[in-house]
Amino acid sequence: MSFPILSLTIWLPILAGVLIIALGDRPARKLAGVASILTLLASLPLYFGFDSGTAEMQFQESLAWLPSFNINYALGVDGISMPLIILTTMINVIVVISAWQVIKDRPAMYLGAFSIMTGLMVGVFSSLDAMLFYIFFEATLIPMFLIIGIWGGPKRVYATVKFFLYTFLGSVFMLIALIYMYKQGGSFSILSLHDLPLNQDQQYWIFLAFLAAFAVKIPMWPVHTWLPDAHVEAPTAGSAVLAAVMLKMGGYGFLRFSLPITPDASAHMDTFMIVISLVAVVYIGFVALAQRDMKKLIAYSSISHMGFVTLGIFIAFRLIAKGDDAGVALGLEGAMIQMISHGFISAAMFLCVGVMYDRVHSREIADYGGVINTMPIFAAFMVFFAMANAGLPGTSGFVGEFMVILASFKTNFWIAFLASLTLILGAAYTLWMVKRVIMGPIGNDKVAALTDINSREFWMLALLAMMVLLIGVWPNVIGGVMHASVENLVQHISTSKY
């Protein structure tokens, strides 16, 4: 077995998090900084050493864990999971930078929780054993539960309990489905489950069980209501990780489990999934327009953008029926690029709100106005990320949405028309916020007293801006590693199991 890069990327931040908590507050920031950079460096060989010409799982590791139940510590990545791991380790570095001077209360526990959560999220995207996936998937709830519950806002207990109940109850159905499939096939290997023969009824029930878990996590309308509360009450870094990485576990679940294990049920349910995706894109877009709290606005914006992800995933079956394999790949890759892009943009938007909240202690749009006059460098970043969130060409926000809209046109004009409304709605609610917060004359004495971002905040936002711009002008930097895995997935979901 070659050097275990995936295990290193999983366990380095987890062990570092435990060490940070054990050693206390004094060395916490430096330890967390070193651990986050080492974790990022450990993950980079996954990208630079990745063979994009094959759909085979790479960097595989396998050890018997519970042999009597055929449960293994099995890891590996393909072009679907590897970019999500790089996103996770990059966001971890940004989170540590964002919290460096902001968190005064128990910084060791705070930074330790984020470090542990990073390792667990990498475990989710690396697992090739379904039970191992489930354990990592559920374990991520614990650090996020503590982060919102301890460092959150005034209604943190309500938001935490709601977040936990929604996501935990959804996952219980997934566990039942996994145990049922183990009874049928005798294995928890995810790749073996892809080939497990299932009749129509079996596929429907398993699809619904997965839907309960992944629709809540992504989140889809109408099970999205936990997200705005969690975002509003979470500390800034918690919101950034929640939007940037944790929501992506739902989209990844659809691609890794629902589509290849239950291709026939997924195809039969595509109309339902497309409709609720469009409801999320259009209706939640209008809801975002009505928000007065910047965090709530960005939270609803995230739900709308995640609607694009599920739309790109499930229009695949309409295109398969038409025999348009190129269109299928276009929609699926658009959905995957949208997940990565939204990870960087949403993190940046929440961190921008955090920068203003740290100075004014308010997230209300009405409490600002004319910020560009006192914080010109920050204003430039805020406007850039707002444009990216609205899907401006040249930014990463444009690439994924454009690919999904193009794939939708190949399916049905009205689906594409409704999906395209997100470009108008996204521009409306994002630029409306920018106009009232950033532009115009100075709104009040608090804004007049603002000072521009410091070097820590500059580099935090600059790193995210570079990624948004890089993907925007060179989308093949992540699209190139996806092609072979997507083609393999298309071949898999095009084949009926009965």
Protein backbone atom coordinates (compact mmCIF):
# COMPACT_ATOMS: atom_id res chain seq x y z
CA MET A 1 0.00 0.00 0.00
CA SER A 2 1.35 3.43 -0.92
CA PHE A 3 1.67 6.30 1.54
CA PRO A 4 -1.74 6.77 3.25
CA ILE A 5 -2.41 10.38 2.17
CA LEU A 6 -6.14 10.14 2.87
CA SER A 7 -5.65 8.82 6.39
CA LEU A 8 -3.13 11.58 7.02
CA THR A 9 -5.60 14.22 5.77
CA ILE A 10 -8.35 12.78 7.98
CA TRP A 11 -6.47 12.08 11.21
CA LEU A 12 -3.96 14.93 11.24
CA PRO A 13 -6.64 17.60 11.91
CA ILE A 14 -8.58 15.30 14.26
CA LEU A 15 -5.54 14.56 16.43
CA ALA A 16 -4.43 18.20 16.19
CA GLY A 17 -7.89 19.26 17.38
CA VAL A 18 -7.66 16.95 20.40
CA LEU A 19 -4.16 18.29 21.16
CA ILE A 20 -5.32 21.92 20.83
CA ILE A 21 -8.12 21.32 23.33
CA ALA A 22 -5.81 19.43 25.70
CA LEU A 23 -3.07 22.10 25.75
CA GLY A 24 -5.49 24.96 26.44
CA ASP A 25 -5.95 28.49 25.16
CA ARG A 26 -2.38 29.85 25.18
CA PRO A 27 -0.91 27.86 22.24
CA ALA A 28 -4.29 27.23 20.57
CA ARG A 29 -4.06 29.75 17.74
CA LYS A 30 -0.54 28.85 16.65
CA LEU A 31 -1.26 25.11 16.87
CA ALA A 32 -4.48 25.50 14.89
CA GLY A 33 -2.68 27.60 12.27
CA VAL A 34 0.11 25.06 11.84
CA ALA A 35 -2.34 22.14 11.79
CA SER A 36 -4.57 23.77 9.17
CA ILE A 37 -1.63 24.53 6.86
CA LEU A 38 -0.19 21.02 7.28
CA THR A 39 -3.60 19.51 6.54
CA LEU A 40 -3.89 21.60 3.38
CA LEU A 41 -0.37 20.58 2.31
CA ALA A 42 -1.19 16.94 3.05
CA SER A 43 -4.25 17.10 0.80
CA LEU A 44 -2.56 18.78 -2.20
CA PRO A 45 -0.94 15.54 -3.53
CA LEU A 46 -4.52 14.31 -4.02
CA TYR A 47 -4.91 17.01 -6.70
CA PHE A 48 -1.42 17.14 -8.20
CA GLY A 49 -1.00 13.36 -8.13
CA PHE A 50 -4.50 12.62 -9.43
CA ASP A 51 -4.78 10.71 -12.70
CA SER A 52 -7.65 12.46 -14.47
CA GLY A 53 -7.65 9.89 -17.28
CA THR A 54 -9.27 7.14 -15.22
CA ALA A 55 -12.52 6.72 -13.31
CA GLU A 56 -10.94 4.24 -10.90
CA MET A 57 -10.75 5.10 -7.22
CA GLN A 58 -7.29 6.43 -6.41
CA PHE A 59 -5.14 6.72 -3.27
CA GLN A 60 -7.02 3.69 -1.92
CA GLU A 61 -6.51 2.32 1.58
CA SER A 62 -8.24 -0.70 3.08
CA LEU A 63 -8.07 -2.36 6.49
CA ALA A 64 -10.44 -4.83 8.08
CA TRP A 65 -12.30 -3.01 10.85
CA LEU A 66 -15.26 -5.19 11.93
CA PRO A 67 -14.71 -8.38 9.90
CA SER A 68 -17.72 -10.20 11.33
CA PHE A 69 -19.97 -7.56 9.73
CA ASN A 70 -17.72 -7.07 6.67
CA ILE A 71 -17.15 -3.44 7.66
CA ASN A 72 -13.82 -2.04 6.51
CA TYR A 73 -11.77 1.09 6.96
CA ALA A 74 -11.80 1.66 3.19
CA LEU A 75 -10.81 5.00 1.65
CA GLY A 76 -10.35 6.30 -1.88
CA VAL A 77 -11.17 9.26 -4.11
CA ASP A 78 -12.30 9.90 -7.65
CA GLY A 79 -12.99 13.08 -9.61
CA ILE A 80 -16.24 13.61 -7.73
CA SER A 81 -14.86 13.51 -4.19
CA MET A 82 -11.29 14.82 -4.53
CA PRO A 83 -12.20 18.50 -5.31
CA LEU A 84 -14.50 18.52 -2.26
CA ILE A 85 -11.60 17.41 -0.04
CA ILE A 86 -9.38 20.21 -1.36
CA LEU A 87 -12.25 22.67 -0.74
CA THR A 88 -12.55 21.39 2.84
CA THR A 89 -8.86 21.77 3.71
CA MET A 90 -8.69 25.24 2.10
CA ILE A 91 -11.72 26.47 4.01
CA ASN A 92 -10.14 25.17 7.23
CA VAL A 93 -7.17 27.51 6.74
CA ILE A 94 -9.52 30.45 6.08
CA VAL A 95 -11.54 29.62 9.22
CA VAL A 96 -8.45 29.68 11.42
CA ILE A 97 -7.39 33.05 9.95
CA SER A 98 -10.90 34.44 10.50
CA ALA A 99 -10.99 33.37 14.15
CA TRP A 100 -7.40 34.37 15.00
CA GLN A 101 -8.26 37.59 16.87
CA VAL A 102 -12.04 37.40 17.00
CA ILE A 103 -12.69 34.49 19.36
CA LYS A 104 -11.84 35.46 22.93
CA ASP A 105 -13.96 32.88 24.76
CA ARG A 106 -12.31 29.45 25.00
CA PRO A 107 -10.37 29.66 21.70
CA ALA A 108 -8.81 26.22 22.24
CA MET A 109 -12.20 24.49 22.25
CA TYR A 110 -13.41 26.62 19.34
CA LEU A 111 -10.41 26.00 17.08
CA GLY A 112 -10.12 22.38 18.21
CA ALA A 113 -13.75 21.75 17.23
CA PHE A 114 -13.16 23.17 13.74
CA SER A 115 -10.00 21.11 13.30
CA ILE A 116 -11.78 17.90 14.30
CA MET A 117 -14.70 18.74 12.02
CA THR A 118 -12.32 19.20 9.09
CA GLY A 119 -10.97 15.67 9.50
CA LEU A 120 -14.48 14.26 9.79
CA MET A 121 -15.66 16.03 6.62
CA VAL A 122 -12.64 14.74 4.70
CA GLY A 123 -13.63 11.28 6.00
CA VAL A 124 -17.13 11.72 4.52
CA PHE A 125 -15.71 12.45 1.06
CA SER A 126 -13.08 9.68 1.28
CA SER A 127 -15.09 6.72 2.57
CA LEU A 128 -15.57 3.72 0.34
CA ASP A 129 -17.40 1.79 3.06
CA ALA A 130 -21.01 2.83 3.66
CA MET A 131 -20.86 2.39 7.45
CA LEU A 132 -17.62 4.35 7.64
CA PHE A 133 -19.34 7.07 5.56
CA TYR A 134 -22.33 7.04 7.91
CA ILE A 135 -20.13 7.37 11.01
CA PHE A 136 -18.19 10.33 9.58
CA PHE A 137 -21.45 11.84 8.23
CA GLU A 138 -23.08 11.76 11.66
CA ALA A 139 -19.97 12.66 13.62
CA THR A 140 -19.73 16.03 11.87
CA LEU A 141 -22.91 17.02 13.71
CA ILE A 142 -21.13 16.97 17.10
CA PRO A 143 -18.54 19.74 16.59
CA MET A 144 -21.03 21.90 14.68
CA PHE A 145 -23.61 21.32 17.46
CA LEU A 146 -21.05 22.59 20.00
CA ILE A 147 -19.91 25.52 17.85
CA ILE A 148 -23.45 26.87 17.42
CA GLY A 149 -24.55 25.91 20.93
CA ILE A 150 -21.59 27.50 22.78
CA TRP A 151 -20.46 30.42 20.60
CA GLY A 152 -23.77 31.15 18.88
CA GLY A 153 -26.24 34.03 19.22
CA PRO A 154 -29.09 34.60 21.70
CA LYS A 155 -31.33 31.87 20.20
CA ARG A 156 -28.50 29.36 19.80
CA VAL A 157 -30.20 26.59 21.82
CA TYR A 158 -33.31 26.65 19.60
CA ALA A 159 -31.18 26.77 16.42
CA THR A 160 -28.88 23.99 17.63
CA VAL A 161 -31.67 21.61 18.60
CA LYS A 162 -33.48 22.26 15.31
CA PHE A 163 -30.27 21.72 13.31
CA PHE A 164 -29.53 18.47 15.16
CA LEU A 165 -33.04 17.02 14.98
CA TYR A 166 -33.51 17.73 11.27
CA THR A 167 -30.15 16.33 10.19
CA PHE A 168 -30.07 13.41 12.62
CA LEU A 169 -33.61 12.20 11.92
CA GLY A 170 -33.00 12.39 8.17
CA SER A 171 -29.89 10.27 8.54
CA VAL A 172 -31.68 7.53 10.50
CA PHE A 173 -33.54 6.53 7.34
CA MET A 174 -30.23 6.31 5.48
CA LEU A 175 -28.89 3.96 8.17
CA ILE A 176 -31.94 1.70 7.78
CA ALA A 177 -31.40 1.62 4.01
CA LEU A 178 -27.72 0.74 4.41
CA ILE A 179 -28.49 -2.14 6.80
CA TYR A 180 -31.19 -3.42 4.42
CA MET A 181 -28.74 -3.41 1.50
CA TYR A 182 -26.15 -5.19 3.64
CA LYS A 183 -28.72 -7.91 4.28
CA GLN A 184 -29.28 -8.19 0.53
CA GLY A 185 -25.67 -8.13 -0.63
CA GLY A 186 -23.56 -8.99 2.43
CA SER A 187 -21.29 -5.98 2.05
CA PHE A 188 -21.09 -2.31 3.02
CA SER A 189 -18.67 -1.55 0.18
CA ILE A 190 -20.09 1.47 -1.65
CA LEU A 191 -18.75 0.25 -5.00
CA SER A 192 -20.39 -3.17 -4.41
CA LEU A 193 -23.67 -1.46 -3.52
CA HIS A 194 -23.55 0.29 -6.91
CA ASP A 195 -23.85 -3.14 -8.54
CA LEU A 196 -26.39 -4.57 -6.07
CA PRO A 197 -29.44 -5.85 -8.01
CA LEU A 198 -32.62 -4.21 -6.72
CA ASN A 199 -36.18 -4.44 -8.00
CA GLN A 200 -38.50 -1.46 -8.47
CA ASP A 201 -40.02 -1.45 -4.97
CA GLN A 202 -36.65 -1.89 -3.30
CA GLN A 203 -35.20 1.02 -5.24
CA TYR A 204 -38.13 3.31 -4.40
CA TRP A 205 -37.85 2.73 -0.66
CA ILE A 206 -34.07 3.06 -0.66
CA PHE A 207 -34.26 6.22 -2.78
CA LEU A 208 -36.74 7.77 -0.33
CA ALA A 209 -34.50 6.87 2.62
CA PHE A 210 -31.52 8.54 0.95
CA LEU A 211 -33.71 11.50 0.00
CA ALA A 212 -34.63 12.05 3.66
CA ALA A 213 -30.94 12.27 4.59
CA PHE A 214 -29.52 14.22 1.69
CA ALA A 215 -32.44 16.60 1.02
CA VAL A 216 -32.20 17.84 4.61
CA LYS A 217 -28.45 18.20 4.45
CA ILE A 218 -28.19 20.11 1.14
CA PRO A 219 -30.96 21.49 2.05
CA MET A 220 -33.90 21.25 -0.37
CA TRP A 221 -37.25 22.99 -0.11
CA PRO A 222 -39.38 22.34 2.04
CA VAL A 223 -36.95 20.78 4.59
CA HIS A 224 -34.67 23.81 4.49
CA THR A 225 -36.06 25.69 7.50
CA TRP A 226 -33.26 24.68 9.87
CA LEU A 227 -30.63 26.43 7.77
CA PRO A 228 -31.52 30.15 8.21
CA ASP A 229 -31.82 29.68 11.99
CA ALA A 230 -28.50 27.83 12.17
CA HIS A 231 -26.75 30.46 10.07
CA VAL A 232 -28.15 33.43 12.01
CA GLU A 233 -27.15 31.98 15.39
CA ALA A 234 -23.81 30.43 14.36
CA PRO A 235 -20.55 32.37 14.77
CA THR A 236 -19.08 33.66 11.52
CA ALA A 237 -16.69 30.76 10.97
CA GLY A 238 -19.49 28.28 11.75
CA SER A 239 -21.67 29.82 9.06
CA ALA A 240 -18.76 29.73 6.62
CA VAL A 241 -18.07 26.01 7.16
CA LEU A 242 -21.76 25.15 7.20
CA ALA A 243 -22.38 26.82 3.84
CA ALA A 244 -19.04 26.03 2.23
CA VAL A 245 -18.68 22.34 3.06
CA MET A 246 -21.43 20.74 5.16
CA LEU A 247 -24.22 21.50 2.68
CA LYS A 248 -22.14 19.83 -0.03
CA MET A 249 -22.38 16.50 1.79
CA GLY A 250 -26.02 16.34 0.63
CA GLY A 251 -25.15 16.89 -3.03
CA TYR A 252 -22.28 14.43 -2.74
CA GLY A 253 -24.66 11.86 -1.21
CA PHE A 254 -26.99 12.09 -4.20
CA LEU A 255 -24.06 11.52 -6.59
CA ARG A 256 -22.39 8.74 -4.57
CA PHE A 257 -25.47 6.84 -3.31
CA SER A 258 -28.87 7.79 -4.78
CA LEU A 259 -28.00 7.88 -8.48
CA PRO A 260 -25.79 4.78 -8.89
CA ILE A 261 -27.57 2.54 -6.32
CA THR A 262 -31.15 3.42 -7.32
CA PRO A 263 -30.89 4.59 -10.95
CA ASP A 264 -34.39 3.47 -11.95
CA ALA A 265 -36.10 5.07 -8.94
CA SER A 266 -34.04 8.23 -9.47
CA ALA A 267 -35.19 8.33 -13.09
CA HIS A 268 -38.84 7.83 -12.10
CA MET A 269 -38.60 10.54 -9.44
CA ASP A 270 -36.77 13.06 -11.62
CA THR A 271 -39.83 15.24 -12.27
CA PHE A 272 -40.52 15.57 -8.54
CA MET A 273 -36.86 16.42 -7.84
CA ILE A 274 -36.71 18.94 -10.69
CA VAL A 275 -39.89 20.67 -9.48
CA ILE A 276 -38.74 21.09 -5.87
CA SER A 277 -35.31 22.20 -7.13
CA LEU A 278 -36.97 24.92 -9.20
CA VAL A 279 -39.11 25.92 -6.21
CA ALA A 280 -35.90 26.37 -4.25
CA VAL A 281 -34.31 28.38 -7.06
CA VAL A 282 -37.27 30.73 -7.66
CA TYR A 283 -39.34 30.86 -4.45
CA ILE A 284 -36.38 30.98 -2.06
CA GLY A 285 -34.85 33.63 -4.31
CA PHE A 286 -37.91 35.82 -3.65
CA VAL A 287 -37.68 35.01 0.08
CA ALA A 288 -34.08 36.23 0.05
CA LEU A 289 -35.27 39.52 -1.43
CA ALA A 290 -37.43 40.15 1.66
CA GLN A 291 -34.66 39.71 4.24
CA ARG A 292 -33.40 42.54 6.42
CA ASP A 293 -30.66 40.50 8.12
CA MET A 294 -27.57 40.03 5.92
CA LYS A 295 -26.87 36.55 7.24
CA LYS A 296 -30.43 35.41 6.57
CA LEU A 297 -30.23 36.84 3.06
CA ILE A 298 -27.04 34.89 2.32
CA ALA A 299 -28.53 31.76 3.95
CA TYR A 300 -31.59 31.87 1.69
CA SER A 301 -29.29 32.62 -1.23
CA SER A 302 -27.41 29.38 -0.40
CA ILE A 303 -30.64 27.37 -0.51
CA SER A 304 -31.46 28.87 -3.90
CA HIS A 305 -28.00 28.08 -5.26
CA MET A 306 -28.15 24.52 -3.93
CA GLY A 307 -31.39 24.15 -5.90
CA PHE A 308 -29.19 24.53 -8.95
CA VAL A 309 -27.09 21.59 -7.79
CA THR A 310 -30.03 19.19 -7.47
CA LEU A 311 -31.47 20.51 -10.73
CA GLY A 312 -28.20 19.74 -12.53
CA ILE A 313 -28.13 16.25 -10.99
CA PHE A 314 -31.69 15.18 -11.80
CA ILE A 315 -32.13 16.66 -15.28
CA ALA A 316 -29.53 14.02 -16.15
CA PHE A 317 -32.30 11.43 -16.42
CA ARG A 318 -34.30 13.54 -18.90
CA LEU A 319 -31.17 13.81 -21.05
CA ILE A 320 -30.43 10.09 -20.74
CA ALA A 321 -33.92 9.41 -22.10
CA LYS A 322 -33.03 11.60 -25.10
CA GLY A 323 -29.71 9.79 -25.57
CA ASP A 324 -27.78 13.02 -25.01
CA ASP A 325 -24.78 11.76 -23.00
CA ALA A 326 -22.88 15.03 -23.54
CA GLY A 327 -25.81 16.95 -22.04
CA VAL A 328 -25.90 14.58 -19.06
CA ALA A 329 -22.21 15.18 -18.36
CA LEU A 330 -22.73 18.93 -18.79
CA GLY A 331 -25.48 19.00 -16.13
CA LEU A 332 -23.63 16.79 -13.67
CA GLU A 333 -20.32 18.63 -14.01
CA GLY A 334 -22.20 21.94 -13.75
CA ALA A 335 -23.74 20.77 -10.48
CA MET A 336 -20.35 19.69 -9.14
CA ILE A 337 -18.60 22.94 -10.14
CA GLN A 338 -21.51 24.86 -8.61
CA MET A 339 -20.88 23.05 -5.30
CA ILE A 340 -17.17 23.99 -5.29
CA SER A 341 -17.83 27.56 -6.41
CA HIS A 342 -20.57 28.10 -3.87
CA GLY A 343 -18.19 26.80 -1.19
CA PHE A 344 -15.76 29.65 -1.81
CA ILE A 345 -18.34 32.39 -2.50
CA SER A 346 -20.66 31.62 0.41
CA ALA A 347 -17.72 31.42 2.82
CA ALA A 348 -16.52 34.79 1.56
CA MET A 349 -19.97 36.39 1.89
CA PHE A 350 -20.42 35.16 5.47
CA LEU A 351 -16.90 36.30 6.39
CA CYS A 352 -17.63 39.76 4.91
CA VAL A 353 -20.70 40.00 7.13
CA GLY A 354 -18.55 38.86 10.04
CA VAL A 355 -16.02 41.66 9.36
CA MET A 356 -18.80 44.26 9.63
CA TYR A 357 -20.44 42.56 12.61
CA ASP A 358 -17.15 42.58 14.54
CA ARG A 359 -17.09 46.38 14.21
CA VAL A 360 -20.77 47.43 14.43
CA HIS A 361 -22.27 44.38 16.24
CA SER A 362 -25.26 44.34 13.92
CA ARG A 363 -26.24 42.31 10.86
CA GLU A 364 -29.25 44.49 10.02
CA ILE A 365 -28.97 46.03 6.56
CA ALA A 366 -30.63 49.22 7.84
CA ASP A 367 -27.77 49.81 10.29
CA TYR A 368 -25.29 50.41 7.47
CA GLY A 369 -24.90 52.64 4.42
CA GLY A 370 -21.91 54.17 2.65
CA VAL A 371 -19.39 51.65 3.98
CA ILE A 372 -17.30 52.26 0.86
CA ASN A 373 -16.40 55.71 2.21
CA THR A 374 -14.69 54.34 5.33
CA MET A 375 -13.72 50.81 4.23
CA PRO A 376 -12.79 51.06 0.51
CA ILE A 377 -10.66 47.89 0.37
CA PHE A 378 -13.30 45.85 2.17
CA ALA A 379 -15.97 47.35 -0.09
CA ALA A 380 -14.04 46.20 -3.17
CA PHE A 381 -13.97 42.62 -1.85
CA MET A 382 -17.64 42.74 -0.85
CA VAL A 383 -18.73 43.99 -4.28
CA PHE A 384 -16.57 41.35 -6.01
CA PHE A 385 -18.05 38.49 -3.99
CA ALA A 386 -21.56 39.90 -4.45
CA MET A 387 -21.02 39.93 -8.22
CA ALA A 388 -19.75 36.35 -8.07
CA ASN A 389 -22.81 35.36 -6.02
CA ALA A 390 -24.99 36.93 -8.70
CA GLY A 391 -23.24 34.84 -11.37
CA LEU A 392 -21.07 37.48 -13.09
CA PRO A 393 -19.09 36.01 -16.04
CA GLY A 394 -15.41 35.70 -15.19
CA THR A 395 -16.19 34.49 -11.68
CA SER A 396 -16.76 30.94 -10.50
CA GLY A 397 -20.40 31.73 -9.75
CA PHE A 398 -21.11 31.96 -13.47
CA VAL A 399 -19.55 28.67 -14.57
CA GLY A 400 -21.66 26.09 -12.74
CA GLU A 401 -24.96 27.93 -13.19
CA PHE A 402 -24.30 28.49 -16.92
CA MET A 403 -23.53 24.79 -17.44
CA VAL A 404 -26.73 23.73 -15.62
CA ILE A 405 -28.81 26.23 -17.60
CA LEU A 406 -27.29 24.98 -20.88
CA ALA A 407 -28.09 21.39 -19.90
CA SER A 408 -31.62 22.47 -18.94
CA PHE A 409 -32.15 23.99 -22.40
CA LYS A 410 -31.38 20.58 -23.87
CA THR A 411 -34.16 19.17 -21.69
CA ASN A 412 -36.99 21.68 -21.69
CA PHE A 413 -37.24 25.40 -22.45
CA TRP A 414 -39.41 26.20 -19.42
CA ILE A 415 -37.10 24.40 -16.99
CA ALA A 416 -34.22 26.46 -18.39
CA PHE A 417 -36.33 29.64 -18.28
CA LEU A 418 -37.24 29.17 -14.60
CA ALA A 419 -33.65 28.22 -13.72
CA SER A 420 -32.42 31.33 -15.50
CA LEU A 421 -34.53 33.48 -13.21
CA THR A 422 -31.92 32.85 -10.51
CA LEU A 423 -29.52 35.11 -12.40
CA ILE A 424 -32.08 37.95 -12.16
CA LEU A 425 -33.14 37.18 -8.59
CA GLY A 426 -29.55 36.61 -7.46
CA ALA A 427 -28.51 39.95 -8.92
CA ALA A 428 -31.56 41.63 -7.36
CA TYR A 429 -31.14 40.51 -3.75
CA THR A 430 -27.33 40.64 -3.76
CA LEU A 431 -26.96 44.06 -5.41
CA TRP A 432 -29.87 45.41 -3.35
CA MET A 433 -27.92 44.51 -0.22
CA VAL A 434 -24.69 45.98 -1.64
CA LYS A 435 -26.45 49.21 -2.61
CA ARG A 436 -27.86 49.78 0.87
CA VAL A 437 -24.80 48.59 2.84
CA ILE A 438 -21.80 49.59 0.73
CA MET A 439 -22.85 52.41 -1.61
CA GLY A 440 -24.19 55.90 -1.04
CA PRO A 441 -23.39 58.49 1.62
CA ILE A 442 -22.30 57.45 5.12
CA GLY A 443 -25.40 56.18 6.89
CA ASN A 444 -24.69 56.94 10.54
CA ASP A 445 -22.01 57.66 13.13
CA LYS A 446 -21.12 53.97 13.55
CA VAL A 447 -20.31 53.67 9.85
CA ALA A 448 -18.37 56.94 9.98
CA ALA A 449 -16.17 55.47 12.73
CA LEU A 450 -15.35 52.26 10.81
CA THR A 451 -11.76 51.41 9.94
CA ASP A 452 -10.78 49.36 6.90
CA ILE A 453 -9.75 45.70 7.06
CA ASN A 454 -6.42 44.75 8.60
CA SER A 455 -3.82 42.47 7.01
CA ARG A 456 -5.37 39.32 8.54
CA GLU A 457 -8.79 40.12 7.10
CA PHE A 458 -7.22 41.16 3.77
CA TRP A 459 -5.45 37.84 3.24
CA MET A 460 -8.50 35.90 4.41
CA LEU A 461 -10.64 37.52 1.72
CA ALA A 462 -7.86 37.70 -0.87
CA LEU A 463 -7.33 33.90 -0.80
CA LEU A 464 -11.02 33.33 -1.41
CA ALA A 465 -11.10 35.98 -4.17
CA MET A 466 -8.19 34.27 -5.94
CA MET A 467 -10.04 30.93 -5.94
CA VAL A 468 -13.28 32.53 -7.19
CA LEU A 469 -11.36 34.26 -10.00
CA LEU A 470 -9.23 31.21 -10.84
CA ILE A 471 -12.25 28.94 -11.32
CA GLY A 472 -14.07 31.72 -13.16
CA VAL A 473 -11.39 32.21 -15.83
CA TRP A 474 -10.06 28.61 -15.87
CA PRO A 475 -12.92 26.27 -14.95
CA ASN A 476 -10.96 23.29 -16.23
CA VAL A 477 -8.77 23.57 -13.12
CA ILE A 478 -11.46 21.51 -11.38
CA GLY A 479 -13.59 20.43 -14.37
CA GLY A 480 -10.63 18.59 -15.87
CA VAL A 481 -10.38 16.12 -13.00
CA MET A 482 -14.11 15.34 -13.10
CA HIS A 483 -14.61 14.17 -16.71
CA ALA A 484 -13.67 10.49 -16.39
CA SER A 485 -15.58 10.00 -13.13
CA VAL A 486 -18.67 11.72 -14.52
CA GLU A 487 -18.57 9.62 -17.69
CA ASN A 488 -18.38 6.51 -15.52
CA LEU A 489 -21.34 7.75 -13.44
CA VAL A 490 -23.35 8.46 -16.61
CA GLN A 491 -22.69 4.93 -17.83
CA HIS A 492 -23.74 3.56 -14.45
CA ILE A 493 -27.03 5.46 -14.11
CA SER A 494 -27.93 4.78 -17.76
CA THR A 495 -28.13 1.05 -17.05
CA SER A 496 -31.34 -0.28 -15.55
CA LYS A 497 -31.08 -2.69 -12.63
CA TYR A 498 -34.12 -4.71 -13.69
